[in-house]
Structure formats: C-alpha cells, structure tokens
C-alpha cells in the first residue's frame, strides 16, 4: 500500500491499483509521443476545451490553441521535462493540464548555474 493524492484528498492505493495507474500512464505516454513524432494534429483527441498548456512559461488555453502550438513548427531534439495531468471523462482519458520546459537553462556543464 502507498499514499497518493486523488481529487484533492490522500488515499491508500494497493499494488493492483498502482498497476492500473502505471498502465494508464504508460499507455498515454506511448500514444502521445508516437503521435507527436508522426502527426501532431491527432493529439487533439487528448485535450478538451478547458485544457491548459504551459510551454516555456507561455500559456495556451483550450484544445485549438494547444494543437496550434504543438503543430506550429518542427522542434530540434533537445532535453526537456514534461508533465501531464490526466482526467477520466466520458469513457476516455484527457489531458487537462500540461507543462513543458526545456532542460538547457544556463548550466556550466558541471550542474552549476
């Protein structure tokens, strides 16, 4: 058993539930990056009109603005950090909040700023 925060409250999660959450997360990430690399417009099904994306501090609200940002240009291959907040709605998982940051901010090669 372990503690997790679900819908604003702390709950106990057993190994079976943990396996389910791991499967949901892994499946989402596999699908997201496959579509991101092949046809980013197909990511539209993962967002809703109230979804938010913060991309390097710039905010995008709603599926249209998010997809417009994701399909705007080809990106160089760089290190990054990305977090997704998923919610189960109408029998499918959607991304209600996403944060993206490049991992190249003012480091001297030894991990010092």
Protein backbone atom coordinates (compact mmCIF):
# COMPACT_ATOMS: atom_id res chain seq x y z
CA UNK A 1 0.00 0.00 0.00
CA UNK A 2 1.05 3.57 -0.60
CA UNK A 3 -0.49 7.02 -0.27
CA UNK A 4 -1.46 9.11 -3.31
CA UNK A 5 -3.38 12.33 -3.80
CA UNK A 6 -6.58 11.72 -5.78
CA UNK A 7 -9.03 14.54 -6.49
CA UNK A 8 -7.63 16.65 -3.65
CA UNK A 9 -7.58 14.00 -0.91
CA UNK A 10 -4.99 11.47 0.20
CA UNK A 11 -5.99 7.84 -0.36
CA UNK A 12 -4.39 4.44 0.12
CA UNK A 13 -3.53 2.62 -3.11
CA UNK A 14 -2.78 -1.09 -3.21
CA UNK A 15 -0.47 -2.80 -5.70
CA UNK A 16 -3.35 -3.69 -8.05
CA UNK A 17 -4.47 -0.06 -8.22
CA UNK A 18 -0.86 1.06 -8.66
CA UNK A 19 -0.51 -1.34 -11.61
CA UNK A 20 -3.64 0.19 -13.18
CA UNK A 21 -2.30 3.75 -12.80
CA UNK A 22 1.09 2.66 -14.19
CA UNK A 23 -0.67 1.11 -17.21
CA UNK A 24 -2.74 4.27 -17.83
CA UNK A 25 0.34 6.49 -17.62
CA UNK A 26 2.50 4.26 -19.81
CA UNK A 27 -0.23 3.90 -22.45
CA UNK A 28 -0.81 7.65 -22.51
CA UNK A 29 2.88 8.48 -22.86
CA UNK A 30 3.39 5.83 -25.58
CA UNK A 31 0.43 7.17 -27.59
CA UNK A 32 1.31 10.84 -27.03
CA UNK A 33 4.92 10.61 -28.22
CA UNK A 34 4.08 8.32 -31.14
CA UNK A 35 1.55 10.88 -32.41
CA UNK A 36 3.86 13.78 -31.54
CA UNK A 37 6.57 12.26 -33.75
CA UNK A 38 4.27 11.28 -36.66
CA UNK A 39 1.15 13.51 -36.84
CA UNK A 40 0.71 16.04 -34.04
CA UNK A 41 -2.78 17.03 -35.19
CA UNK A 42 -4.01 13.61 -33.94
CA UNK A 43 -3.22 14.74 -30.38
CA UNK A 44 -6.39 16.86 -30.48
CA UNK A 45 -8.42 13.94 -29.08
CA UNK A 46 -6.37 14.12 -25.86
CA UNK A 47 -7.45 17.66 -24.98
CA UNK A 48 -10.73 19.36 -24.07
CA UNK A 49 -11.78 22.99 -24.41
CA UNK A 50 -10.73 23.73 -20.83
CA UNK A 51 -7.29 22.08 -21.16
CA UNK A 52 -4.19 24.20 -20.48
CA UNK A 53 -0.62 24.02 -21.76
CA UNK A 54 2.30 25.97 -20.32
CA UNK A 55 5.18 25.87 -22.83
CA UNK A 56 8.36 27.52 -21.60
CA UNK A 57 6.23 29.87 -19.48
CA UNK A 58 3.82 30.77 -22.30
CA UNK A 59 0.21 29.74 -21.62
CA UNK A 60 -2.22 28.20 -24.12
CA UNK A 61 -5.86 27.53 -23.22
CA UNK A 62 -8.21 25.13 -25.00
CA UNK A 63 -7.60 22.35 -27.49
CA UNK A 64 -7.35 24.67 -30.53
CA UNK A 65 -4.61 26.87 -29.05
CA UNK A 66 -2.75 23.80 -27.76
CA UNK A 67 -2.83 21.96 -31.08
CA UNK A 68 -1.88 25.15 -32.95
CA UNK A 69 1.19 25.42 -30.68
CA UNK A 70 2.10 21.73 -30.97
CA UNK A 71 1.85 21.76 -34.78
CA UNK A 72 3.44 25.22 -35.31
CA UNK A 73 6.97 24.11 -36.12
CA UNK A 74 9.48 21.30 -36.11
CA UNK A 75 11.50 21.13 -32.93
CA UNK A 76 15.18 20.43 -32.53
CA UNK A 77 15.99 17.38 -30.44
CA UNK A 78 16.76 18.80 -27.00
CA UNK A 79 16.42 17.67 -23.42
CA UNK A 80 13.14 18.57 -21.79
CA UNK A 81 10.81 17.99 -18.84
CA UNK A 82 7.12 17.43 -19.45
CA UNK A 83 4.27 16.76 -17.02
CA UNK A 84 0.68 15.77 -17.80
CA UNK A 85 -2.37 15.91 -15.54
CA UNK A 86 -4.90 13.38 -16.84
CA UNK A 87 -8.60 13.06 -16.05
CA UNK A 88 -11.04 10.29 -16.96
CA UNK A 89 -14.04 11.90 -18.69
CA UNK A 90 -16.77 10.39 -20.89
CA UNK A 91 -15.07 6.97 -21.02
CA UNK A 92 -11.66 8.29 -22.10
CA UNK A 93 -8.55 9.90 -20.63
CA UNK A 94 -7.91 13.55 -21.46
CA UNK A 95 -5.07 15.89 -20.60
CA UNK A 96 -6.41 18.79 -18.56
CA UNK A 97 -3.04 20.38 -17.84
CA UNK A 98 0.43 20.02 -19.38
CA UNK A 99 3.72 21.73 -18.55
CA UNK A 100 6.73 21.70 -20.89
CA UNK A 101 10.21 23.07 -20.11
CA UNK A 102 13.47 22.73 -21.99
CA UNK A 103 16.34 21.33 -19.92
CA UNK A 104 19.03 23.73 -21.19
CA UNK A 105 18.87 26.67 -18.82
CA UNK A 106 22.25 28.28 -18.01
CA UNK A 107 24.29 25.35 -16.73
CA UNK A 108 28.08 25.34 -16.94
CA UNK A 109 28.49 21.62 -17.70
CA UNK A 110 29.09 20.77 -14.03
CA UNK A 111 25.50 21.33 -12.99
CA UNK A 112 26.13 24.85 -11.71
CA UNK A 113 24.22 27.95 -12.74
